[in-house]
Amino acid sequence: MIIYINDKPLTVDASSTLQAILERKNGIAAHAAIAINNQFIPKSMLAETTLCEGDRIDLIVPMQGG
């Protein structure tokens, strides 16, 4: 199935969990806020969150500045 991470399409297995998909993204989830279809997902729910065709995942990473 196809999902979108930060508007980029990604083909994944239909049985993939959000945690499994994010592990493929080189650990970015450790420092990111995560939303699926504009609903924030707590890190405690990543392993049990499954996805559907067309889901849109937003990874929001903190930035440094001053």
PDB file of N, CA and C in Angstrom:
ATOM      1  N   MET A   1       0.848  -1.169   0.000  1.00  0.00           N
ATOM      2  CA  MET A   1       0.000   0.000   0.000  1.00  0.00           C
ATOM      3  C   MET A   1       0.895   1.233   0.000  1.00  0.00           C
ATOM      4  N   ILE A   2       0.335   2.352  -0.380  1.00  0.00           N
ATOM      5  CA  ILE A   2       1.100   3.593  -0.428  1.00  0.00           C
ATOM      6  C   ILE A   2       0.626   4.523   0.679  1.00  0.00           C
ATOM      7  N   ILE A   3       1.586   5.024   1.446  1.00  0.00           N
ATOM      8  CA  ILE A   3       1.341   6.060   2.446  1.00  0.00           C
ATOM      9  C   ILE A   3       2.234   7.240   2.078  1.00  0.00           C
ATOM     10  N   TYR A   4       2.097   8.323   2.794  1.00  0.00           N
ATOM     11  CA  TYR A   4       2.904   9.512   2.527  1.00  0.00           C
ATOM     12  C   TYR A   4       3.566   9.963   3.818  1.00  0.00           C
ATOM     13  N   ILE A   5       4.872  10.171   3.755  1.00  0.00           N
ATOM     14  CA  ILE A   5       5.608  10.708   4.893  1.00  0.00           C
ATOM     15  C   ILE A   5       6.143  12.064   4.467  1.00  0.00           C
ATOM     16  N   ASN A   6       5.666  13.092   5.142  1.00  0.00           N
ATOM     17  CA  ASN A   6       5.996  14.473   4.772  1.00  0.00           C
ATOM     18  C   ASN A   6       5.783  14.689   3.275  1.00  0.00           C
ATOM     19  N   ASP A   7       4.646  14.238   2.792  1.00  0.00           N
ATOM     20  CA  ASP A   7       4.190  14.399   1.400  1.00  0.00           C
ATOM     21  C   ASP A   7       4.967  13.587   0.374  1.00  0.00           C
ATOM     22  N   LYS A   8       5.842  12.687   0.806  1.00  0.00           N
ATOM     23  CA  LYS A   8       6.573  11.829  -0.131  1.00  0.00           C
ATOM     24  C   LYS A   8       5.972  10.426  -0.066  1.00  0.00           C
ATOM     25  N   PRO A   9       5.613   9.854  -1.220  1.00  0.00           N
ATOM     26  CA  PRO A   9       5.003   8.519  -1.209  1.00  0.00           C
ATOM     27  C   PRO A   9       5.992   7.441  -0.784  1.00  0.00           C
ATOM     28  N   LEU A  10       5.478   6.457  -0.064  1.00  0.00           N
ATOM     29  CA  LEU A  10       6.277   5.327   0.387  1.00  0.00           C
ATOM     30  C   LEU A  10       5.405   4.080   0.295  1.00  0.00           C
ATOM     31  N   THR A  11       5.930   3.040  -0.323  1.00  0.00           N
ATOM     32  CA  THR A  11       5.209   1.773  -0.414  1.00  0.00           C
ATOM     33  C   THR A  11       5.602   0.903   0.773  1.00  0.00           C
ATOM     34  N   VAL A  12       4.599   0.422   1.513  1.00  0.00           N
ATOM     35  CA  VAL A  12       4.834  -0.399   2.704  1.00  0.00           C
ATOM     36  C   VAL A  12       3.890  -1.596   2.683  1.00  0.00           C
ATOM     37  N   ASP A  13       4.211  -2.605   3.486  1.00  0.00           N
ATOM     38  CA  ASP A  13       3.316  -3.752   3.656  1.00  0.00           C
ATOM     39  C   ASP A  13       2.070  -3.304   4.412  1.00  0.00           C
ATOM     40  N   ALA A  14       0.950  -3.874   4.075  1.00  0.00           N
ATOM     41  CA  ALA A  14      -0.310  -3.508   4.722  1.00  0.00           C
ATOM     42  C   ALA A  14      -0.312  -3.819   6.214  1.00  0.00           C
ATOM     43  N   SER A  15       0.521  -4.749   6.656  1.00  0.00           N
ATOM     44  CA  SER A  15       0.549  -5.128   8.069  1.00  0.00           C
ATOM     45  C   SER A  15       1.566  -4.326   8.882  1.00  0.00           C
ATOM     46  N   SER A  16       2.237  -3.372   8.267  1.00  0.00           N
ATOM     47  CA  SER A  16       3.277  -2.600   8.965  1.00  0.00           C
ATOM     48  C   SER A  16       2.681  -1.708  10.043  1.00  0.00           C
ATOM     49  N   THR A  17       3.396  -1.620  11.156  1.00  0.00           N
ATOM     50  CA  THR A  17       3.008  -0.672  12.194  1.00  0.00           C
ATOM     51  C   THR A  17       3.754   0.634  11.964  1.00  0.00           C
ATOM     52  N   LEU A  18       3.280   1.674  12.595  1.00  0.00           N
ATOM     53  CA  LEU A  18       3.937   2.969  12.475  1.00  0.00           C
ATOM     54  C   LEU A  18       5.372   2.888  12.985  1.00  0.00           C
ATOM     55  N   GLN A  19       5.593   2.170  14.070  1.00  0.00           N
ATOM     56  CA  GLN A  19       6.942   2.030  14.611  1.00  0.00           C
ATOM     57  C   GLN A  19       7.877   1.358  13.607  1.00  0.00           C
ATOM     58  N   ALA A  20       7.434   0.289  12.969  1.00  0.00           N
ATOM     59  CA  ALA A  20       8.268  -0.419  11.996  1.00  0.00           C
ATOM     60  C   ALA A  20       8.632   0.481  10.823  1.00  0.00           C
ATOM     61  N   ILE A  21       7.701   1.272  10.378  1.00  0.00           N
ATOM     62  CA  ILE A  21       7.966   2.181   9.264  1.00  0.00           C
ATOM     63  C   ILE A  21       8.950   3.261   9.675  1.00  0.00           C
ATOM     64  N   LEU A  22       8.780   3.810  10.857  1.00  0.00           N
ATOM     65  CA  LEU A  22       9.668   4.884  11.304  1.00  0.00           C
ATOM     66  C   LEU A  22      11.076   4.378  11.576  1.00  0.00           C
ATOM     67  N   GLU A  23      11.217   3.118  11.966  1.00  0.00           N
ATOM     68  CA  GLU A  23      12.556   2.553  12.164  1.00  0.00           C
ATOM     69  C   GLU A  23      13.339   2.539  10.860  1.00  0.00           C
ATOM     70  N   ARG A  24      12.643   2.458   9.741  1.00  0.00           N
ATOM     71  CA  ARG A  24      13.304   2.522   8.431  1.00  0.00           C
ATOM     72  C   ARG A  24      13.805   3.934   8.121  1.00  0.00           C
ATOM     73  N   LYS A  25      13.349   4.925   8.861  1.00  0.00           N
ATOM     74  CA  LYS A  25      13.724   6.318   8.612  1.00  0.00           C
ATOM     75  C   LYS A  25      14.912   6.752   9.475  1.00  0.00           C
ATOM     76  N   ASN A  26      15.759   5.823   9.870  1.00  0.00           N
ATOM     77  CA  ASN A  26      17.003   6.111  10.595  1.00  0.00           C
ATOM     78  C   ASN A  26      16.806   6.822  11.927  1.00  0.00           C
ATOM     79  N   GLY A  27      15.824   6.400  12.685  1.00  0.00           N
ATOM     80  CA  GLY A  27      15.660   6.897  14.037  1.00  0.00           C
ATOM     81  C   GLY A  27      15.139   8.311  14.169  1.00  0.00           C
ATOM     82  N   ILE A  28      14.617   8.876  13.100  1.00  0.00           N
ATOM     83  CA  ILE A  28      14.121  10.246  13.165  1.00  0.00           C
ATOM     84  C   ILE A  28      12.982  10.384  14.175  1.00  0.00           C
ATOM     85  N   ALA A  29      12.242   9.328  14.404  1.00  0.00           N
ATOM     86  CA  ALA A  29      11.083   9.389  15.292  1.00  0.00           C
ATOM     87  C   ALA A  29      11.460   9.683  16.733  1.00  0.00           C
ATOM     88  N   ALA A  30      12.679   9.395  17.117  1.00  0.00           N
ATOM     89  CA  ALA A  30      13.100   9.645  18.496  1.00  0.00           C
ATOM     90  C   ALA A  30      13.038  11.126  18.842  1.00  0.00           C
ATOM     91  N   HIS A  31      13.165  11.976  17.848  1.00  0.00           N
ATOM     92  CA  HIS A  31      13.202  13.420  18.093  1.00  0.00           C
ATOM     93  C   HIS A  31      12.059  14.161  17.417  1.00  0.00           C
ATOM     94  N   ALA A  32      11.098  13.456  16.887  1.00  0.00           N
ATOM     95  CA  ALA A  32      10.039  14.101  16.110  1.00  0.00           C
ATOM     96  C   ALA A  32       8.684  13.952  16.790  1.00  0.00           C
ATOM     97  N   ALA A  33       7.845  14.946  16.571  1.00  0.00           N
ATOM     98  CA  ALA A  33       6.429  14.795  16.871  1.00  0.00           C
ATOM     99  C   ALA A  33       5.817  14.133  15.640  1.00  0.00           C
ATOM    100  N   ILE A  34       4.874  13.232  15.848  1.00  0.00           N
ATOM    101  CA  ILE A  34       4.342  12.430  14.749  1.00  0.00           C
ATOM    102  C   ILE A  34       2.827  12.603  14.685  1.00  0.00           C
ATOM    103  N   ALA A  35       2.343  12.866  13.478  1.00  0.00           N
ATOM    104  CA  ALA A  35       0.901  12.986  13.265  1.00  0.00           C
ATOM    105  C   ALA A  35       0.499  12.125  12.075  1.00  0.00           C
ATOM    106  N   ILE A  36      -0.653  11.494  12.186  1.00  0.00           N
ATOM    107  CA  ILE A  36      -1.248  10.767  11.063  1.00  0.00           C
ATOM    108  C   ILE A  36      -2.552  11.472  10.729  1.00  0.00           C
ATOM    109  N   ASN A  37      -2.649  11.928   9.497  1.00  0.00           N
ATOM    110  CA  ASN A  37      -3.857  12.631   9.046  1.00  0.00           C
ATOM    111  C   ASN A  37      -4.250  13.738  10.024  1.00  0.00           C
ATOM    112  N   ASN A  38      -3.253  14.507  10.444  1.00  0.00           N
ATOM    113  CA  ASN A  38      -3.410  15.676  11.326  1.00  0.00           C
ATOM    114  C   ASN A  38      -3.780  15.334  12.768  1.00  0.00           C
ATOM    115  N   GLN A  39      -3.639  14.079  13.177  1.00  0.00           N
ATOM    116  CA  GLN A  39      -3.872  13.675  14.565  1.00  0.00           C
ATOM    117  C   GLN A  39      -2.543  13.241  15.169  1.00  0.00           C
ATOM    118  N   PHE A  40      -2.099  13.940  16.220  1.00  0.00           N
ATOM    119  CA  PHE A  40      -0.827  13.574  16.840  1.00  0.00           C
ATOM    120  C   PHE A  40      -0.934  12.211  17.509  1.00  0.00           C
ATOM    121  N   ILE A  41       0.157  11.437  17.394  1.00  0.00           N
ATOM    122  CA  ILE A  41       0.226  10.083  17.946  1.00  0.00           C
ATOM    123  C   ILE A  41       1.286  10.071  19.042  1.00  0.00           C
ATOM    124  N   PRO A  42       0.927   9.693  20.282  1.00  0.00           N
ATOM    125  CA  PRO A  42       1.942   9.603  21.337  1.00  0.00           C
ATOM    126  C   PRO A  42       2.943   8.492  21.028  1.00  0.00           C
ATOM    127  N   LYS A  43       4.179   8.698  21.427  1.00  0.00           N
ATOM    128  CA  LYS A  43       5.225   7.699  21.179  1.00  0.00           C
ATOM    129  C   LYS A  43       4.856   6.344  21.792  1.00  0.00           C
ATOM    130  N   SER A  44       4.092   6.348  22.862  1.00  0.00           N
ATOM    131  CA  SER A  44       3.687   5.091  23.496  1.00  0.00           C
ATOM    132  C   SER A  44       2.735   4.273  22.619  1.00  0.00           C
ATOM    133  N   MET A  45       2.183   4.872  21.572  1.00  0.00           N
ATOM    134  CA  MET A  45       1.226   4.186  20.700  1.00  0.00           C
ATOM    135  C   MET A  45       1.828   3.758  19.359  1.00  0.00           C
ATOM    136  N   LEU A  46       3.108   4.025  19.116  1.00  0.00           N
ATOM    137  CA  LEU A  46       3.712   3.745  17.813  1.00  0.00           C
ATOM    138  C   LEU A  46       3.662   2.262  17.447  1.00  0.00           C
ATOM    139  N   ALA A  47       3.950   1.390  18.409  1.00  0.00           N
ATOM    140  CA  ALA A  47       4.028  -0.046  18.122  1.00  0.00           C
ATOM    141  C   ALA A  47       2.669  -0.657  17.799  1.00  0.00           C
ATOM    142  N   GLU A  48       1.600  -0.054  18.265  1.00  0.00           N
ATOM    143  CA  GLU A  48       0.276  -0.632  18.023  1.00  0.00           C
ATOM    144  C   GLU A  48      -0.548   0.146  16.999  1.00  0.00           C
ATOM    145  N   THR A  49       0.041   1.185  16.432  1.00  0.00           N
ATOM    146  CA  THR A  49      -0.670   1.986  15.437  1.00  0.00           C
ATOM    147  C   THR A  49      -0.451   1.398  14.046  1.00  0.00           C
ATOM    148  N   THR A  50      -1.536   0.983  13.417  1.00  0.00           N
ATOM    149  CA  THR A  50      -1.461   0.474  12.046  1.00  0.00           C
ATOM    150  C   THR A  50      -1.928   1.567  11.095  1.00  0.00           C
ATOM    151  N   LEU A  51      -1.582   1.389   9.838  1.00  0.00           N
ATOM    152  CA  LEU A  51      -1.864   2.420   8.852  1.00  0.00           C
ATOM    153  C   LEU A  51      -2.819   1.909   7.789  1.00  0.00           C
ATOM    154  N   CYS A  52      -3.408   2.839   7.064  1.00  0.00           N
ATOM    155  CA  CYS A  52      -4.308   2.521   5.957  1.00  0.00           C
ATOM    156  C   CYS A  52      -3.780   3.162   4.685  1.00  0.00           C
ATOM    157  N   GLU A  53      -4.194   2.618   3.563  1.00  0.00           N
ATOM    158  CA  GLU A  53      -3.835   3.167   2.259  1.00  0.00           C
ATOM    159  C   GLU A  53      -4.099   4.676   2.231  1.00  0.00           C
ATOM    160  N   GLY A  54      -3.094   5.431   1.806  1.00  0.00           N
ATOM    161  CA  GLY A  54      -3.252   6.872   1.650  1.00  0.00           C
ATOM    162  C   GLY A  54      -3.026   7.692   2.908  1.00  0.00           C
ATOM    163  N   ASP A  55      -2.746   7.038   4.050  1.00  0.00           N
ATOM    164  CA  ASP A  55      -2.487   7.808   5.270  1.00  0.00           C
ATOM    165  C   ASP A  55      -1.338   8.778   5.045  1.00  0.00           C
ATOM    166  N   ARG A  56      -1.449   9.936   5.683  1.00  0.00           N
ATOM    167  CA  ARG A  56      -0.414  10.961   5.585  1.00  0.00           C
ATOM    168  C   ARG A  56       0.222  11.136   6.959  1.00  0.00           C
ATOM    169  N   ILE A  57       1.516  10.847   7.007  1.00  0.00           N
ATOM    170  CA  ILE A  57       2.283  10.953   8.243  1.00  0.00           C
ATOM    171  C   ILE A  57       3.135  12.207   8.162  1.00  0.00           C
ATOM    172  N   ASP A  58       3.050  13.027   9.189  1.00  0.00           N
ATOM    173  CA  ASP A  58       3.904  14.208   9.283  1.00  0.00           C
ATOM    174  C   ASP A  58       4.884  14.002  10.418  1.00  0.00           C
ATOM    175  N   LEU A  59       6.173  14.165  10.114  1.00  0.00           N
ATOM    176  CA  LEU A  59       7.232  14.115  11.118  1.00  0.00           C
ATOM    177  C   LEU A  59       7.702  15.544  11.329  1.00  0.00           C
ATOM    178  N   ILE A  60       7.518  16.042  12.538  1.00  0.00           N
ATOM    179  CA  ILE A  60       7.864  17.421  12.849  1.00  0.00           C
ATOM    180  C   ILE A  60       9.049  17.391  13.793  1.00  0.00           C
ATOM    181  N   VAL A  61      10.198  17.824  13.286  1.00  0.00           N
ATOM    182  CA  VAL A  61      11.433  17.759  14.067  1.00  0.00           C
ATOM    183  C   VAL A  61      11.763  19.129  14.634  1.00  0.00           C
ATOM    184  N   PRO A  62      12.327  19.164  15.857  1.00  0.00           N
ATOM    185  CA  PRO A  62      12.700  20.445  16.452  1.00  0.00           C
ATOM    186  C   PRO A  62      13.877  21.067  15.708  1.00  0.00           C
ATOM    187  N   MET A  63      13.926  22.379  15.748  1.00  0.00           N
ATOM    188  CA  MET A  63      15.025  23.107  15.115  1.00  0.00           C
ATOM    189  C   MET A  63      15.714  23.963  16.169  1.00  0.00           C
ATOM    190  N   GLN A  64      17.005  24.131  16.000  1.00  0.00           N
ATOM    191  CA  GLN A  64      17.753  25.012  16.891  1.00  0.00           C
ATOM    192  C   GLN A  64      17.788  26.401  16.278  1.00  0.00           C
ATOM    193  N   GLY A  65      17.952  27.340  17.107  1.00  0.00           N
ATOM    194  CA  GLY A  65      18.049  28.712  16.611  1.00  0.00           C
ATOM    195  C   GLY A  65      18.150  29.675  17.775  1.00  0.00           C
ATOM    196  N   GLY A  66      18.229  30.873  17.434  1.00  0.00           N
ATOM    197  CA  GLY A  66      18.327  31.835  18.515  1.00  0.00           C
ATOM    198  C   GLY A  66      18.135  33.231  18.068  1.00  0.00           C
TER     199      GLY A  66
END
